[in-house]
């Protein structure tokens, strides 16, 4: 019985999700997404209350509870950034298209860390590429390692 209790305790004491040391800049859509994720995590946690077995309830509640703690902090510290005033220079919230020396053309929107999804076309403002592109204009070059990126459009 003690072994099962120790095993169960280890399963229910998940480490907190890491909080970034960078300012929690978000777009309006990013804040709404965080709030929606928080609501879903709270609902998932509440759903575990119906589980009769206390050990199983703790196991099932561990991840939603950890997510709630993380998301409460991210919503609390979120700084909503206004949409870029112009498309003259790359800024937080801009969608930037650039070409690589090998001919590839890439297009990303620069957003907050929690809303970044490179496969869906968005990167975090603290990513190396975003840091290189911020403040640059169409036609400017940015060096990434041994490669040059040329900004071809800003939206």
N, C-alpha and C. Protein backbone atom coordinates (compact mmCIF):
# COMPACT_ATOMS: atom_id res chain seq x y z
N UNK A 1 0.82 -1.19 0.00
CA UNK A 1 0.00 0.00 0.00
C UNK A 1 0.86 1.26 0.00
N UNK A 2 1.94 1.27 0.76
CA UNK A 2 2.79 2.45 0.81
C UNK A 2 3.45 2.71 -0.53
N UNK A 3 3.86 1.64 -1.25
CA UNK A 3 4.48 1.82 -2.55
C UNK A 3 3.51 2.48 -3.52
N UNK A 4 2.26 2.04 -3.50
CA UNK A 4 1.27 2.64 -4.39
C UNK A 4 1.06 4.11 -4.04
N UNK A 5 1.03 4.44 -2.76
CA UNK A 5 0.84 5.82 -2.34
C UNK A 5 2.01 6.69 -2.78
N UNK A 6 3.24 6.17 -2.64
CA UNK A 6 4.42 6.93 -3.06
C UNK A 6 4.41 7.12 -4.57
N UNK A 7 4.02 6.09 -5.30
CA UNK A 7 3.95 6.18 -6.76
C UNK A 7 2.89 7.19 -7.17
N UNK A 8 1.75 7.15 -6.51
CA UNK A 8 0.67 8.08 -6.82
C UNK A 8 1.09 9.50 -6.51
N UNK A 9 1.76 9.70 -5.40
CA UNK A 9 2.22 11.05 -5.04
C UNK A 9 3.17 11.59 -6.09
N UNK A 10 4.07 10.76 -6.58
CA UNK A 10 5.02 11.20 -7.61
C UNK A 10 4.31 11.58 -8.90
N UNK A 11 3.25 10.88 -9.22
CA UNK A 11 2.50 11.17 -10.44
C UNK A 11 1.69 12.46 -10.33
N UNK A 12 1.33 12.85 -9.11
CA UNK A 12 0.47 14.01 -8.94
C UNK A 12 1.24 15.28 -8.61
N UNK A 13 2.53 15.18 -8.38
CA UNK A 13 3.35 16.35 -8.08
C UNK A 13 4.20 16.71 -9.29
N UNK A 14 3.54 17.22 -10.30
CA UNK A 14 4.24 17.59 -11.53
C UNK A 14 4.95 18.93 -11.34
N UNK A 15 6.13 19.07 -11.91
CA UNK A 15 6.80 20.37 -11.82
C UNK A 15 6.02 21.42 -12.62
N UNK A 16 6.10 22.66 -12.16
CA UNK A 16 5.42 23.73 -12.88
C UNK A 16 6.02 23.91 -14.27
N UNK A 17 5.18 24.36 -15.19
CA UNK A 17 5.67 24.70 -16.52
C UNK A 17 6.56 25.93 -16.40
N UNK A 18 7.65 25.95 -17.14
CA UNK A 18 8.60 27.06 -17.06
C UNK A 18 7.96 28.36 -17.56
N UNK A 19 8.21 29.42 -16.83
CA UNK A 19 7.74 30.75 -17.21
C UNK A 19 8.93 31.49 -17.82
N UNK A 20 8.75 32.04 -18.99
CA UNK A 20 9.81 32.75 -19.68
C UNK A 20 10.25 33.98 -18.90
N UNK A 21 11.54 34.30 -18.96
CA UNK A 21 12.02 35.51 -18.30
C UNK A 21 11.73 36.78 -19.11
N UNK A 22 11.29 36.63 -20.35
CA UNK A 22 11.01 37.77 -21.22
C UNK A 22 9.65 38.38 -20.89
N UNK A 23 9.46 39.67 -21.21
CA UNK A 23 8.13 40.26 -21.03
C UNK A 23 7.09 39.43 -21.78
N UNK A 24 5.92 39.31 -21.20
CA UNK A 24 4.86 38.48 -21.78
C UNK A 24 4.02 39.31 -22.75
N UNK A 25 4.63 39.68 -23.88
CA UNK A 25 3.94 40.45 -24.90
C UNK A 25 3.01 39.53 -25.68
N UNK A 26 1.79 40.00 -25.93
CA UNK A 26 0.81 39.21 -26.68
C UNK A 26 0.02 40.12 -27.62
N UNK A 27 -0.54 39.50 -28.65
CA UNK A 27 -1.50 40.20 -29.48
C UNK A 27 -2.87 40.07 -28.80
N UNK A 28 -3.85 40.81 -29.28
CA UNK A 28 -5.20 40.66 -28.71
C UNK A 28 -5.69 39.23 -28.87
N UNK A 29 -5.44 38.65 -30.05
CA UNK A 29 -5.84 37.26 -30.31
C UNK A 29 -5.09 36.31 -29.38
N UNK A 30 -3.83 36.62 -29.11
CA UNK A 30 -3.03 35.78 -28.21
C UNK A 30 -3.58 35.78 -26.80
N UNK A 31 -4.02 36.95 -26.32
CA UNK A 31 -4.61 37.02 -24.98
C UNK A 31 -5.91 36.22 -24.93
N UNK A 32 -6.73 36.36 -25.96
CA UNK A 32 -7.98 35.59 -26.01
C UNK A 32 -7.70 34.09 -26.02
N UNK A 33 -6.67 33.68 -26.74
CA UNK A 33 -6.30 32.25 -26.79
C UNK A 33 -5.83 31.77 -25.41
N UNK A 34 -5.04 32.59 -24.71
CA UNK A 34 -4.61 32.22 -23.35
C UNK A 34 -5.82 32.08 -22.42
N UNK A 35 -6.75 33.02 -22.51
CA UNK A 35 -7.94 32.97 -21.67
C UNK A 35 -8.78 31.73 -21.98
N UNK A 36 -8.87 31.38 -23.26
CA UNK A 36 -9.62 30.19 -23.66
C UNK A 36 -8.92 28.92 -23.14
N UNK A 37 -7.60 28.87 -23.26
CA UNK A 37 -6.85 27.72 -22.75
C UNK A 37 -7.01 27.60 -21.24
N UNK A 38 -7.02 28.73 -20.54
CA UNK A 38 -7.22 28.72 -19.09
C UNK A 38 -8.60 28.17 -18.75
N UNK A 39 -9.61 28.60 -19.48
CA UNK A 39 -10.97 28.10 -19.23
C UNK A 39 -11.03 26.59 -19.48
N UNK A 40 -10.40 26.12 -20.53
CA UNK A 40 -10.40 24.68 -20.83
C UNK A 40 -9.67 23.90 -19.75
N UNK A 41 -8.56 24.44 -19.26
CA UNK A 41 -7.81 23.76 -18.19
C UNK A 41 -8.64 23.71 -16.91
N UNK A 42 -9.35 24.78 -16.61
CA UNK A 42 -10.21 24.79 -15.42
C UNK A 42 -11.34 23.77 -15.56
N UNK A 43 -11.90 23.69 -16.75
CA UNK A 43 -12.97 22.72 -17.00
C UNK A 43 -12.44 21.29 -16.88
N UNK A 44 -11.25 21.05 -17.39
CA UNK A 44 -10.64 19.72 -17.29
C UNK A 44 -10.37 19.36 -15.83
N UNK A 45 -9.93 20.34 -15.05
CA UNK A 45 -9.70 20.11 -13.63
C UNK A 45 -11.01 19.82 -12.91
N UNK A 46 -12.03 20.62 -13.19
CA UNK A 46 -13.35 20.41 -12.56
C UNK A 46 -13.92 19.04 -12.90
N UNK A 47 -13.66 18.58 -14.12
CA UNK A 47 -14.18 17.27 -14.54
C UNK A 47 -13.60 16.13 -13.71
N UNK A 48 -12.43 16.35 -13.14
CA UNK A 48 -11.81 15.29 -12.32
C UNK A 48 -12.50 15.14 -10.97
N UNK A 49 -13.27 16.12 -10.56
CA UNK A 49 -13.95 16.03 -9.27
C UNK A 49 -14.96 14.90 -9.21
N UNK A 50 -15.42 14.44 -10.36
CA UNK A 50 -16.39 13.35 -10.39
C UNK A 50 -15.77 11.97 -10.25
N UNK A 51 -14.46 11.89 -10.23
CA UNK A 51 -13.77 10.59 -10.11
C UNK A 51 -13.76 10.18 -8.65
N UNK A 52 -14.32 9.01 -8.36
CA UNK A 52 -14.46 8.58 -6.98
C UNK A 52 -13.14 8.17 -6.34
N UNK A 53 -12.33 7.42 -7.04
CA UNK A 53 -11.06 6.95 -6.48
C UNK A 53 -10.12 8.15 -6.32
N UNK A 54 -9.71 8.42 -5.07
CA UNK A 54 -8.91 9.60 -4.77
C UNK A 54 -7.56 9.59 -5.50
N UNK A 55 -6.93 8.43 -5.59
CA UNK A 55 -5.64 8.35 -6.28
C UNK A 55 -5.80 8.61 -7.77
N UNK A 56 -6.84 8.06 -8.37
CA UNK A 56 -7.08 8.29 -9.80
C UNK A 56 -7.47 9.76 -10.04
N UNK A 57 -8.23 10.33 -9.12
CA UNK A 57 -8.62 11.74 -9.25
C UNK A 57 -7.36 12.62 -9.22
N UNK A 58 -6.44 12.33 -8.32
CA UNK A 58 -5.19 13.11 -8.25
C UNK A 58 -4.37 12.96 -9.54
N UNK A 59 -4.30 11.73 -10.04
CA UNK A 59 -3.56 11.51 -11.29
C UNK A 59 -4.17 12.29 -12.44
N UNK A 60 -5.48 12.22 -12.55
CA UNK A 60 -6.18 12.89 -13.66
C UNK A 60 -6.16 14.41 -13.52
N UNK A 61 -6.08 14.92 -12.28
CA UNK A 61 -6.11 16.36 -12.05
C UNK A 61 -4.73 17.01 -12.17
N UNK A 62 -3.68 16.23 -12.14
CA UNK A 62 -2.32 16.78 -12.09
C UNK A 62 -2.00 17.70 -13.27
N UNK A 63 -2.25 17.26 -14.47
CA UNK A 63 -1.90 18.07 -15.65
C UNK A 63 -2.80 19.31 -15.75
N UNK A 64 -4.12 19.17 -15.62
CA UNK A 64 -4.95 20.39 -15.70
C UNK A 64 -4.60 21.40 -14.60
N UNK A 65 -4.28 20.92 -13.41
CA UNK A 65 -3.94 21.83 -12.32
C UNK A 65 -2.64 22.57 -12.62
N UNK A 66 -1.66 21.85 -13.15
CA UNK A 66 -0.40 22.50 -13.54
C UNK A 66 -0.65 23.53 -14.64
N UNK A 67 -1.49 23.18 -15.62
CA UNK A 67 -1.81 24.11 -16.69
C UNK A 67 -2.53 25.34 -16.18
N UNK A 68 -3.44 25.16 -15.23
CA UNK A 68 -4.15 26.30 -14.64
C UNK A 68 -3.16 27.25 -13.99
N UNK A 69 -2.22 26.73 -13.21
CA UNK A 69 -1.23 27.58 -12.54
C UNK A 69 -0.43 28.38 -13.58
N UNK A 70 0.01 27.70 -14.63
CA UNK A 70 0.79 28.37 -15.68
C UNK A 70 -0.03 29.44 -16.38
N UNK A 71 -1.23 29.09 -16.80
CA UNK A 71 -2.05 30.00 -17.59
C UNK A 71 -2.55 31.19 -16.79
N UNK A 72 -2.83 30.99 -15.50
CA UNK A 72 -3.22 32.12 -14.64
C UNK A 72 -2.10 33.14 -14.63
N UNK A 73 -0.88 32.68 -14.49
CA UNK A 73 0.28 33.59 -14.47
C UNK A 73 0.47 34.27 -15.82
N UNK A 74 0.31 33.54 -16.91
CA UNK A 74 0.50 34.13 -18.24
C UNK A 74 -0.58 35.15 -18.56
N UNK A 75 -1.82 34.89 -18.15
CA UNK A 75 -2.89 35.86 -18.37
C UNK A 75 -2.64 37.09 -17.49
N UNK A 76 -2.23 36.86 -16.25
CA UNK A 76 -1.99 37.96 -15.31
C UNK A 76 -0.89 38.89 -15.81
N UNK A 77 0.16 38.35 -16.41
CA UNK A 77 1.30 39.15 -16.83
C UNK A 77 1.26 39.58 -18.29
N UNK A 78 0.21 39.22 -19.00
CA UNK A 78 0.12 39.54 -20.43
C UNK A 78 0.09 41.05 -20.65
N UNK A 79 0.89 41.49 -21.62
CA UNK A 79 0.92 42.88 -22.04
C UNK A 79 0.45 42.91 -23.50
N UNK A 80 -0.80 43.33 -23.71
CA UNK A 80 -1.34 43.37 -25.06
C UNK A 80 -0.66 44.49 -25.84
N UNK A 81 -0.09 44.12 -26.96
CA UNK A 81 0.60 45.08 -27.82
C UNK A 81 -0.34 45.52 -28.93
N UNK A 82 -0.37 46.81 -29.21
CA UNK A 82 -1.22 47.28 -30.30
C UNK A 82 -0.69 46.78 -31.64
N UNK A 83 -1.58 46.72 -32.60
CA UNK A 83 -1.17 46.33 -33.96
C UNK A 83 -0.16 47.36 -34.46
N UNK A 84 0.78 46.93 -35.29
CA UNK A 84 1.78 47.89 -35.80
C UNK A 84 1.09 49.07 -36.48
N UNK A 85 1.61 50.27 -36.22
CA UNK A 85 1.02 51.48 -36.78
C UNK A 85 1.25 51.58 -38.29
N UNK A 86 2.33 50.97 -38.76
CA UNK A 86 2.60 51.02 -40.20
C UNK A 86 3.32 49.74 -40.61
N UNK A 87 3.44 49.59 -41.92
CA UNK A 87 4.14 48.44 -42.47
C UNK A 87 5.51 48.86 -43.00
N UNK A 88 6.02 50.00 -42.49
CA UNK A 88 7.32 50.49 -42.94
C UNK A 88 8.47 49.68 -42.37
N UNK A 89 8.33 49.25 -41.10
CA UNK A 89 9.40 48.48 -40.46
C UNK A 89 8.77 47.27 -39.76
N UNK A 90 9.57 46.23 -39.60
CA UNK A 90 9.11 45.01 -38.92
C UNK A 90 8.98 45.32 -37.43
N UNK A 91 7.81 44.98 -36.87
CA UNK A 91 7.54 45.21 -35.45
C UNK A 91 6.73 44.04 -34.91
N UNK A 92 6.54 44.03 -33.61
CA UNK A 92 5.70 43.01 -32.99
C UNK A 92 4.32 43.07 -33.64
N UNK A 93 3.82 41.94 -34.09
CA UNK A 93 2.53 41.87 -34.75
C UNK A 93 2.61 41.94 -36.28
N UNK A 94 3.78 42.30 -36.80
CA UNK A 94 3.96 42.37 -38.26
C UNK A 94 4.02 40.97 -38.85
N UNK A 95 3.59 40.88 -40.10
CA UNK A 95 3.83 39.68 -40.89
C UNK A 95 4.91 40.06 -41.88
N UNK A 96 6.00 39.32 -41.83
CA UNK A 96 7.16 39.66 -42.65
C UNK A 96 7.48 38.50 -43.60
N UNK A 97 7.74 38.85 -44.85
CA UNK A 97 8.15 37.87 -45.85
C UNK A 97 9.60 38.16 -46.18
N UNK A 98 10.39 37.10 -46.21
CA UNK A 98 11.80 37.27 -46.56
C UNK A 98 12.26 36.12 -47.42
N UNK A 99 13.30 36.38 -48.20
CA UNK A 99 13.85 35.33 -49.05
C UNK A 99 15.24 34.97 -48.53
N UNK A 100 15.54 33.69 -48.68
CA UNK A 100 16.85 33.18 -48.28
C UNK A 100 17.73 33.07 -49.52
N UNK A 101 19.02 32.93 -49.30
CA UNK A 101 19.96 32.82 -50.41
C UNK A 101 19.69 31.61 -51.29
N UNK A 102 19.13 30.53 -50.69
CA UNK A 102 18.87 29.31 -51.47
C UNK A 102 17.56 29.39 -52.26
N UNK A 103 16.91 30.56 -52.25
CA UNK A 103 15.70 30.75 -53.03
C UNK A 103 14.40 30.54 -52.26
N UNK A 104 14.49 29.97 -51.06
CA UNK A 104 13.27 29.77 -50.29
C UNK A 104 12.70 31.11 -49.84
N UNK A 105 11.39 31.20 -49.86
CA UNK A 105 10.70 32.39 -49.36
C UNK A 105 9.90 31.96 -48.15
N UNK A 106 10.05 32.69 -47.05
CA UNK A 106 9.33 32.36 -45.83
C UNK A 106 8.54 33.58 -45.36
N UNK A 107 7.42 33.29 -44.71
CA UNK A 107 6.53 34.35 -44.25
C UNK A 107 6.07 33.99 -42.84
N UNK A 108 6.32 34.90 -41.90
CA UNK A 108 5.93 34.67 -40.51
C UNK A 108 5.34 35.94 -39.91
N UNK A 109 4.42 35.73 -38.99
CA UNK A 109 3.90 36.83 -38.16
C UNK A 109 4.65 36.77 -36.85
N UNK A 110 5.08 37.91 -36.36
CA UNK A 110 5.84 37.98 -35.11
C UNK A 110 4.86 38.23 -33.97
N UNK A 111 4.82 37.26 -33.04
CA UNK A 111 3.82 37.27 -31.96
C UNK A 111 4.47 36.93 -30.62
N UNK A 112 3.64 36.79 -29.59
CA UNK A 112 4.12 36.42 -28.26
C UNK A 112 4.56 34.97 -28.20
N UNK A 113 5.28 34.64 -27.14
CA UNK A 113 5.84 33.29 -27.00
C UNK A 113 4.78 32.20 -26.96
N UNK A 114 3.69 32.43 -26.23
CA UNK A 114 2.67 31.39 -26.09
C UNK A 114 1.84 31.20 -27.35
N UNK A 115 1.81 32.18 -28.22
CA UNK A 115 1.01 32.06 -29.43
C UNK A 115 1.83 31.69 -30.66
N UNK A 116 3.14 31.59 -30.51
CA UNK A 116 4.00 31.25 -31.64
C UNK A 116 3.78 29.80 -32.08
N UNK A 117 3.68 29.61 -33.38
CA UNK A 117 3.52 28.29 -33.98
C UNK A 117 4.11 28.35 -35.39
N UNK A 118 5.41 28.07 -35.52
CA UNK A 118 6.06 28.20 -36.83
C UNK A 118 5.36 27.43 -37.95
N UNK A 119 4.82 26.27 -37.65
CA UNK A 119 4.14 25.49 -38.69
C UNK A 119 2.90 26.22 -39.20
N UNK A 120 2.31 27.06 -38.35
CA UNK A 120 1.12 27.82 -38.73
C UNK A 120 1.47 29.24 -39.19
N UNK A 121 2.78 29.55 -39.26
CA UNK A 121 3.18 30.84 -39.79
C UNK A 121 3.40 31.94 -38.77
N UNK A 122 3.68 31.59 -37.52
CA UNK A 122 3.96 32.63 -36.53
C UNK A 122 5.17 32.23 -35.70
N UNK A 123 5.99 33.23 -35.39
CA UNK A 123 7.18 32.99 -34.56
C UNK A 123 7.19 33.97 -33.40
N UNK A 124 7.86 33.57 -32.33
CA UNK A 124 7.96 34.40 -31.14
C UNK A 124 8.87 35.60 -31.38
N UNK A 125 8.53 36.70 -30.76
CA UNK A 125 9.33 37.91 -30.90
C UNK A 125 10.72 37.74 -30.30
N UNK A 126 10.94 36.72 -29.48
CA UNK A 126 12.27 36.48 -28.90
C UNK A 126 13.06 35.45 -29.69
N UNK A 127 12.49 34.93 -30.76
CA UNK A 127 13.21 33.95 -31.58
C UNK A 127 14.36 34.66 -32.31
N UNK A 128 15.42 33.92 -32.62
CA UNK A 128 16.55 34.55 -33.31
C UNK A 128 16.17 35.25 -34.62
N UNK A 129 15.32 34.63 -35.41
CA UNK A 129 14.93 35.25 -36.69
C UNK A 129 14.15 36.54 -36.44
N UNK A 130 13.20 36.51 -35.53
CA UNK A 130 12.41 37.71 -35.25
C UNK A 130 13.29 38.85 -34.74
N UNK A 131 14.22 38.51 -33.86
CA UNK A 131 15.12 39.54 -33.33
C UNK A 131 15.94 40.18 -34.44
N UNK A 132 16.36 39.37 -35.42
CA UNK A 132 17.12 39.91 -36.54
C UNK A 132 16.29 40.84 -37.42
N UNK A 133 15.02 40.50 -37.59
CA UNK A 133 14.17 41.23 -38.53
C UNK A 133 13.54 42.49 -37.94
N UNK A 134 13.35 42.52 -36.64
CA UNK A 134 12.68 43.67 -36.00
C UNK A 134 13.44 44.96 -36.31
N UNK A 135 12.68 45.97 -36.68
CA UNK A 135 13.25 47.28 -36.98
C UNK A 135 13.76 47.45 -38.40
N UNK A 136 13.72 46.39 -39.19
CA UNK A 136 14.22 46.46 -40.57
C UNK A 136 13.06 46.78 -41.52
N UNK A 137 13.42 47.23 -42.72
CA UNK A 137 12.45 47.61 -43.75
C UNK A 137 12.57 46.70 -44.96
N UNK A 138 11.61 46.84 -45.88
CA UNK A 138 11.65 46.07 -47.12
C UNK A 138 12.95 46.40 -47.86
N UNK A 139 13.64 45.36 -48.32
CA UNK A 139 14.91 45.52 -49.02
C UNK A 139 16.12 45.37 -48.11
N UNK A 140 15.92 45.48 -46.80
CA UNK A 140 17.03 45.31 -45.86
C UNK A 140 17.47 43.86 -45.80
N UNK A 141 18.75 43.68 -45.49
CA UNK A 141 19.32 42.35 -45.32
C UNK A 141 19.61 42.10 -43.86
N UNK A 142 19.44 40.85 -43.45
CA UNK A 142 19.78 40.43 -42.08
C UNK A 142 20.61 39.17 -42.20
N UNK A 143 21.67 39.08 -41.42
CA UNK A 143 22.56 37.92 -41.48
C UNK A 143 22.19 36.94 -40.38
N UNK A 144 21.90 35.72 -40.79
CA UNK A 144 21.57 34.63 -39.87
C UNK A 144 22.61 33.55 -40.07
N UNK A 145 23.57 33.47 -39.16
CA UNK A 145 24.67 32.53 -39.34
C UNK A 145 25.49 32.95 -40.55
N UNK A 146 25.59 32.07 -41.52
CA UNK A 146 26.33 32.36 -42.75
C UNK A 146 25.41 32.76 -43.89
N UNK A 147 24.15 32.97 -43.58
CA UNK A 147 23.16 33.22 -44.63
C UNK A 147 22.55 34.60 -44.49
N UNK A 148 22.25 35.22 -45.62
CA UNK A 148 21.58 36.51 -45.60
C UNK A 148 20.10 36.34 -45.93
N UNK A 149 19.27 37.05 -45.20
CA UNK A 149 17.83 37.07 -45.43
C UNK A 149 17.48 38.46 -45.96
N UNK A 150 16.69 38.52 -47.02
CA UNK A 150 16.26 39.80 -47.55
C UNK A 150 14.76 39.97 -47.33
N UNK A 151 14.40 41.05 -46.68
CA UNK A 151 12.99 41.32 -46.43
C UNK A 151 12.34 41.79 -47.72
N UNK A 152 11.27 41.06 -48.11
CA UNK A 152 10.62 41.38 -49.37
C UNK A 152 9.23 42.00 -49.18
N UNK A 153 8.63 41.81 -47.99
CA UNK A 153 7.31 42.41 -47.74
C UNK A 153 7.06 42.48 -46.24
N UNK A 154 6.31 43.50 -45.84
CA UNK A 154 5.87 43.66 -44.45
C UNK A 154 4.38 43.99 -44.48
N UNK A 155 3.63 43.25 -43.71
CA UNK A 155 2.18 43.50 -43.63
C UNK A 155 1.82 43.82 -42.20
